[in-house]
Protein backbone atom coordinates (compact mmCIF):
# COMPACT_ATOMS: atom_id res chain seq x y z
CA MET A 1 123.20 161.30 -154.21
CA ALA A 2 119.38 159.91 -154.81
CA LEU A 3 119.21 159.28 -150.75
CA GLU A 4 120.47 162.75 -150.38
CA ALA A 5 118.00 164.31 -152.37
CA PHE A 6 115.23 161.89 -150.77
CA ARG A 7 116.10 163.19 -147.28
CA TYR A 8 115.63 166.83 -148.36
CA GLN A 9 112.34 166.44 -150.07
CA ALA A 10 111.05 164.29 -147.37
CA THR A 11 111.89 167.61 -145.19
CA HIS A 12 110.83 170.40 -147.80
CA ASN A 13 108.40 168.97 -149.80
CA LEU A 14 105.35 169.63 -148.14
CA VAL A 15 103.27 167.48 -150.40
CA TYR A 16 105.89 164.58 -150.70
CA ALA A 17 106.06 164.55 -146.61
CA ALA A 18 102.67 164.33 -146.42
CA TYR A 19 102.31 161.16 -148.65
CA LEU A 20 105.33 159.48 -146.96
CA THR A 21 103.44 160.02 -143.52
CA ALA A 22 100.38 158.60 -144.95
CA LEU A 23 102.43 155.46 -146.06
CA GLN A 24 103.64 155.65 -142.38
CA CYS A 25 107.31 155.55 -143.94
CA LYS A 26 110.11 157.11 -141.64
CA PRO A 27 112.89 158.45 -144.27
CA GLU A 28 115.60 157.74 -141.75
CA GLN A 29 114.89 154.15 -142.48
CA VAL A 30 115.14 154.44 -146.02
CA ASN A 31 118.64 153.23 -147.24
CA THR A 32 118.36 151.97 -150.67
CA ILE A 33 116.83 153.50 -153.55
CA GLU A 34 114.29 150.37 -153.94
CA LYS A 35 112.83 151.74 -150.43
CA ILE A 36 112.07 155.43 -151.46
CA PRO A 37 108.34 155.88 -152.19
CA PHE A 38 107.55 157.35 -155.29
CA LEU A 39 104.93 160.12 -155.62
CA PRO A 40 102.07 159.09 -157.87
CA ILE A 41 102.23 161.63 -161.13
CA GLY A 42 98.65 162.41 -160.67
CA PHE A 43 99.52 164.59 -157.65
CA PHE A 44 100.93 167.06 -160.29
CA LYS A 45 97.45 167.88 -161.46
CA THR A 46 96.08 168.20 -157.83
CA HIS A 47 98.79 170.02 -155.93
CA LYS A 48 101.63 172.36 -155.96
CA VAL A 49 104.59 169.93 -155.90
CA THR A 50 107.87 172.01 -155.00
CA SER A 51 110.25 171.42 -152.44
CA GLY A 52 110.50 174.77 -150.49
CA SER A 53 108.59 177.82 -151.04
CA PHE A 54 109.40 180.12 -154.20
CA SER A 55 107.50 182.36 -156.95
CA PRO A 56 108.01 179.88 -160.20
CA LYS A 57 109.51 181.40 -163.10
CA VAL A 58 107.50 179.42 -165.27
CA ILE A 59 104.83 176.83 -165.14
CA PHE A 60 105.07 174.19 -167.67
CA GLU A 61 101.79 172.37 -168.20
CA SER A 62 101.12 169.17 -169.79
CA SER A 63 98.88 168.38 -173.05
CA THR A 64 95.79 166.83 -172.17
CA THR A 65 92.54 165.60 -174.15
CA THR A 66 89.38 167.19 -173.78
CA GLY A 67 87.91 167.63 -170.10
CA THR A 68 90.80 166.49 -168.03
CA THR A 69 93.13 168.60 -165.95
CA PRO A 70 96.70 169.28 -167.31
CA SER A 71 99.71 168.60 -165.01
CA GLN A 72 101.88 171.68 -163.71
CA HIS A 73 105.39 171.67 -163.27
CA LEU A 74 106.41 174.92 -161.30
CA VAL A 75 110.22 175.75 -162.21
CA ARG A 76 112.18 177.78 -159.83
CA ASN A 77 115.46 177.82 -161.94
CA LEU A 78 115.04 177.34 -165.82
CA SER A 79 118.81 177.43 -166.09
CA LEU A 80 118.62 174.09 -164.31
CA TYR A 81 116.21 172.47 -166.96
CA GLN A 82 118.38 173.94 -169.83
CA SER A 83 121.49 172.27 -168.14
CA SER A 84 119.79 168.97 -167.95
CA PHE A 85 118.13 168.71 -171.60
CA LEU A 86 121.31 170.17 -173.17
CA LYS A 87 123.78 167.67 -171.29
CA GLY A 88 121.23 164.90 -172.09
CA PHE A 89 120.72 165.84 -175.55
CA GLU A 90 124.71 166.15 -175.91
CA ARG A 91 125.37 162.56 -174.51
CA PHE A 92 123.53 160.92 -177.26
CA TRP A 93 123.47 163.16 -180.18
CA GLY A 94 126.72 165.60 -179.75
CA SER A 95 126.42 169.08 -180.00
CA PRO A 96 123.74 171.10 -181.56
CA HIS A 97 125.74 173.20 -183.05
CA ASP A 98 126.10 173.06 -186.82
CA THR A 99 123.22 170.34 -186.80
CA CYS A 100 120.32 171.38 -188.58
CA ILE A 101 117.16 170.94 -185.66
CA ILE A 102 113.82 170.89 -186.99
CA GLY A 103 110.47 170.96 -184.88
CA LEU A 104 107.52 169.32 -186.21
CA LEU A 105 105.36 169.77 -183.12
CA PRO A 106 101.93 171.26 -184.33
CA SER A 107 99.73 170.45 -181.14
CA TYR A 108 102.31 171.80 -178.64
CA LEU A 109 103.20 174.92 -180.57
CA GLU A 110 99.39 175.56 -180.57
CA ARG A 111 99.48 175.69 -176.79
CA LYS A 112 101.27 177.66 -174.25
CA ASN A 113 104.10 176.36 -171.55
CA SER A 114 104.97 173.23 -173.11
CA SER A 115 108.50 171.86 -171.66
CA LEU A 116 108.69 170.01 -175.03
CA VAL A 117 108.69 173.40 -177.46
CA TYR A 118 111.09 174.88 -174.77
CA MET A 119 113.49 172.15 -175.28
CA VAL A 120 113.28 172.28 -178.74
CA LYS A 121 113.42 175.98 -179.17
CA GLU A 122 116.53 176.28 -177.22
CA LEU A 123 118.15 173.48 -179.51
CA ILE A 124 117.16 175.33 -182.68
CA GLU A 125 118.78 178.26 -181.55
CA ARG A 126 121.82 177.03 -180.24
CA SER A 127 122.32 175.15 -183.67
CA GLY A 128 122.67 177.97 -185.48
CA HIS A 129 121.85 176.65 -188.56
CA PRO A 130 119.69 178.80 -191.31
CA SER A 131 117.27 176.16 -191.83
CA SER A 132 116.71 175.00 -188.41
CA GLY A 133 112.99 176.18 -186.85
CA PHE A 134 109.44 175.17 -186.52
CA TYR A 135 106.75 173.74 -188.65
CA LEU A 136 103.28 174.12 -187.87
CA ASN A 137 101.15 172.99 -190.92
CA GLU A 138 103.58 174.07 -193.72
CA THR A 139 104.43 170.38 -194.91
CA GLU A 140 105.31 171.48 -198.48
CA ALA A 141 108.06 173.74 -197.25
CA LEU A 142 109.18 171.07 -194.69
CA ALA A 143 109.47 168.52 -197.65
CA GLU A 144 111.21 171.10 -199.88
CA THR A 145 113.88 172.15 -196.89
CA LEU A 146 114.43 168.55 -196.40
CA THR A 147 115.03 168.04 -199.97
CA GLN A 148 117.53 170.73 -200.24
CA LEU A 149 119.48 169.64 -196.69
CA GLU A 150 119.99 165.98 -198.19
CA LEU A 151 121.40 167.54 -201.28
CA LYS A 152 123.91 169.22 -199.13
CA LYS A 153 124.35 165.89 -196.99
CA GLN A 154 123.51 168.27 -194.20
CA ARG A 155 123.18 166.36 -190.91
CA THR A 156 119.66 166.99 -189.84
CA LEU A 157 117.25 166.05 -186.53
CA LEU A 158 113.94 165.99 -187.33
CA ILE A 159 111.92 165.94 -183.78
CA GLY A 160 108.44 165.44 -184.11
CA VAL A 161 104.95 164.30 -182.36
CA THR A 162 104.08 160.94 -183.83
CA PHE A 163 101.03 161.83 -185.24
CA ALA A 164 102.38 164.63 -187.40
CA LEU A 165 105.09 162.50 -188.34
CA LEU A 166 102.75 159.72 -189.58
CA ASP A 167 100.75 162.56 -191.43
CA PHE A 168 104.11 163.78 -193.41
CA ALA A 169 105.27 160.44 -194.13
CA THR A 170 101.85 159.77 -195.89
CA THR A 171 102.02 162.79 -198.20
CA HIS A 172 105.51 163.60 -198.51
CA SER A 173 107.56 160.34 -198.29
CA GLN A 174 111.26 160.85 -199.53
CA LYS A 175 114.64 159.08 -199.17
CA LEU A 176 116.21 160.55 -196.11
CA GLN A 177 120.31 159.59 -195.73
CA HIS A 178 121.38 162.60 -193.74
CA THR A 179 118.38 163.10 -191.21
CA THR A 180 117.33 161.42 -188.01
CA LEU A 181 113.76 161.22 -187.26
CA ILE A 182 113.19 161.17 -183.49
CA GLU A 183 109.55 160.73 -182.63
CA THR A 184 108.39 162.30 -179.34
CA GLY A 185 105.18 160.38 -178.79
CA GLY A 186 101.62 161.77 -179.29
CA MET A 187 98.57 160.43 -181.19
CA LYS A 188 96.02 163.37 -180.22
CA GLY A 189 93.33 160.77 -179.33
CA ARG A 190 94.19 159.24 -182.77
CA ALA A 191 94.47 155.51 -183.86
CA GLU A 192 94.89 154.17 -180.50
CA GLU A 193 95.63 150.79 -181.57
CA VAL A 194 98.55 151.84 -183.32
CA THR A 195 101.92 150.46 -181.79
CA ARG A 196 105.35 152.09 -181.62
CA GLU A 197 106.62 149.27 -183.59
CA GLU A 198 103.90 149.77 -186.24
CA VAL A 199 104.97 153.45 -186.08
CA HIS A 200 108.34 153.01 -186.57
CA THR A 201 107.79 150.52 -189.78
CA GLN A 202 105.64 152.91 -191.45
CA LEU A 203 108.34 155.75 -190.73
CA LYS A 204 110.94 153.83 -191.92
CA LYS A 205 109.00 152.63 -195.20
CA ALA A 206 108.38 156.12 -196.19
CA PHE A 207 111.95 157.90 -195.74
CA GLN A 208 113.86 154.34 -196.49
CA LEU A 209 115.38 154.84 -193.21
CA PRO A 210 117.04 151.73 -191.07
CA ALA A 211 115.84 153.26 -187.83
CA ILE A 212 113.73 155.76 -186.04
CA ALA A 213 114.79 157.41 -182.85
CA SER A 214 112.51 158.31 -179.85
CA GLU A 215 112.46 160.73 -176.70
CA TYR A 216 110.84 159.94 -173.91
CA GLY A 217 109.96 162.94 -171.31
CA MET A 218 107.35 164.64 -169.61
CA THR A 219 106.03 167.54 -168.36
CA GLU A 220 106.68 166.57 -164.64
CA LEU A 221 110.54 165.75 -165.50
CA PHE A 222 113.48 167.45 -166.31
CA SER A 223 115.30 165.07 -167.81
CA GLN A 224 114.58 162.96 -171.11
CA ALA A 225 115.76 159.21 -172.00
CA TRP A 226 116.58 158.87 -175.99
CA SER A 227 116.44 155.71 -177.89
CA LYS A 228 118.40 155.56 -180.98
CA GLU A 229 116.47 152.59 -182.51
CA ASN A 230 114.32 149.83 -181.83
CA GLY A 231 112.53 151.74 -179.01
CA LEU A 232 115.04 150.92 -176.50
CA PHE A 233 115.58 154.11 -174.12
CA GLU A 234 118.70 154.93 -172.48
CA CYS A 235 118.97 157.42 -169.05
CA PRO A 236 121.50 160.11 -168.47
CA PRO A 237 123.59 159.18 -165.66
CA TRP A 238 121.52 161.61 -163.35
CA MET A 239 117.96 160.13 -164.54
CA LYS A 240 117.12 156.18 -163.50
CA VAL A 241 113.80 154.24 -164.15
CA LEU A 242 113.32 151.40 -162.00
CA VAL A 243 109.79 148.84 -162.50
CA ARG A 244 106.71 148.51 -159.68
CA GLU A 245 104.70 145.49 -159.28
CA GLU A 246 101.21 146.40 -160.69
CA GLU A 247 99.58 144.88 -157.57
CA ASP A 248 101.96 146.34 -155.03
CA PRO A 249 103.40 149.51 -156.11
CA LEU A 250 105.40 149.88 -153.14
CA SER A 251 107.31 146.74 -154.51
CA VAL A 252 110.33 148.09 -156.30
CA LYS A 253 113.19 146.41 -158.60
CA SER A 254 115.80 147.23 -161.04
CA TYR A 255 114.46 145.30 -164.13
CA GLY A 256 111.50 143.47 -165.10
CA ASN A 257 107.84 144.33 -166.21
CA GLY A 258 105.43 146.69 -164.74
CA GLY A 259 104.75 150.25 -163.63
CA LEU A 260 107.58 152.66 -164.48
CA ASN A 261 109.05 154.68 -161.47
CA ILE A 262 111.82 157.27 -162.40
CA ILE A 263 114.12 158.80 -160.32
CA ASP A 264 115.21 162.52 -161.78
CA LEU A 265 117.86 164.49 -159.72
CA ALA A 266 117.52 167.46 -161.78
CA ASN A 267 113.79 167.82 -160.19
CA ILE A 268 115.35 168.86 -156.88
CA ASP A 269 112.83 171.75 -156.57
CA SER A 270 109.72 169.56 -157.20
CA CYS A 271 109.97 165.96 -156.62
CA CYS A 272 112.81 163.58 -157.89
CA PHE A 273 110.93 160.07 -157.06
CA ILE A 274 107.97 159.67 -159.43
CA ALA A 275 105.48 156.71 -160.25
CA THR A 276 104.39 157.55 -163.93
CA ASP A 277 101.15 155.83 -165.40
CA ASP A 278 103.56 154.16 -168.04
CA ALA A 279 103.83 150.37 -168.24
CA GLY A 280 107.30 149.35 -169.62
CA ARG A 281 109.94 146.55 -169.17
CA ILE A 282 113.46 147.46 -167.84
CA HIS A 283 116.26 145.47 -168.91
CA PRO A 284 119.35 144.25 -166.71
CA ASN A 285 121.63 146.68 -168.30
CA GLY A 286 119.30 149.57 -167.37
CA HIS A 287 117.89 150.06 -171.08
CA PHE A 288 113.94 150.01 -171.06
CA GLU A 289 111.23 150.19 -173.47
CA MET A 290 107.51 151.31 -173.39
CA LEU A 291 104.74 149.00 -173.25
CA GLY A 292 101.50 151.49 -172.79
CA ARG A 293 99.54 152.74 -170.26
CA LEU A 294 98.78 151.07 -166.88
CA ASP A 295 94.84 149.97 -166.63
CA GLY A 296 93.21 153.03 -165.44
CA ALA A 297 95.54 155.60 -166.44
CA THR A 298 94.58 158.91 -167.73
CA VAL A 299 95.16 159.03 -171.58
CA ARG A 300 97.67 161.75 -172.08
CA GLY A 301 97.59 164.04 -175.07
CA CYS A 302 101.42 163.06 -175.25
CA SER A 303 100.52 159.42 -174.66
CA LEU A 304 101.39 156.46 -177.54
CA LEU A 305 99.84 153.20 -176.80
CA THR A 306 102.48 150.58 -177.69
CA ALA A 307 101.06 147.34 -176.08
C-alpha cells in the first residue's frame, strides 16, 4: 500500500514530484519502502503540500516560537482525519465512551487551527462523560475534578501539554489511581534541558503513578503513535517509522539511531512520506523512542528535547 501511495503521489503531488525530480529519482525504479524518498518536513512551511487540487475544508497550523513560520496541513477530508485518530486511539486505549477525557492544552487552546485540539475535542465529545472537557488556567477546578473522579473510581485520561502538566504537578500533586496521564510534548520554550525521562520522573512522583503515557503526533501527520510507558512508542498499522542516516539522508533503514522518517498512509491527500526534524531510536520490533531534535532543526512550540 505504501508503494501504491508513493506512485500516486509521485504523479499527483506537484511539490513531491518536483522534489523527486531534483533527486533524479525515477518512481518506476522504487520497489521497496526503504528506497522511497521522504519529503523534508520544512516544505509544509513554504509550500502547499497537496496531492491533487482541492479547496481545503480546514487548514491545520503548527505551534511556533516567536518569529518562526508555522507549518500548514491543508485538509481535504476531515472524516479521514477523524477515522485515523479515532481508530488509532481505540487500538491503544479502547473506546472513549464512558471514559472521562480531560484536555490540559493551554497554549494550543489559545490559538486557532490546532489539529491536537481538534482531536481531543472529538474524543471529549465521544466520551459522553459529564466531567470531560478542556481546562485552560482553572487548575483548582481541575484538581477538584480529579479528586471527585478518583473517589468514584472513574477511568480517566488526562491529555496534557508537557509544561502545563509540570506546572500542575508542582501546585496540585495528588495520588491518582484511576487516571492515566498522557503528555503530548510541548515545553513552550521552557527548560530545554529537561529530558522526557526527567519529566516522567517528576510526574510519577507528584501523582504517585507507576508510569506516564505519551502521544507522538504533529500537524503534518493525520496519525499518531502512542506510548503507555517508558517513552516507547507504537504505531497503528497504517503508520510506520523508519530511520535515516544524519550524514546521508537518502540512506534509510528499519531500525537503529538517526533522523525519523514517517510513513502515514492517512496522508494520502498531502504527503505520506515525511522526513521529520526529530532524532530517534527504532527497535527491531518497530517500537521507537525520541532522542531530541536534529542539529540545526527549528525548535517547534510542540517539541520536547529528550537528549
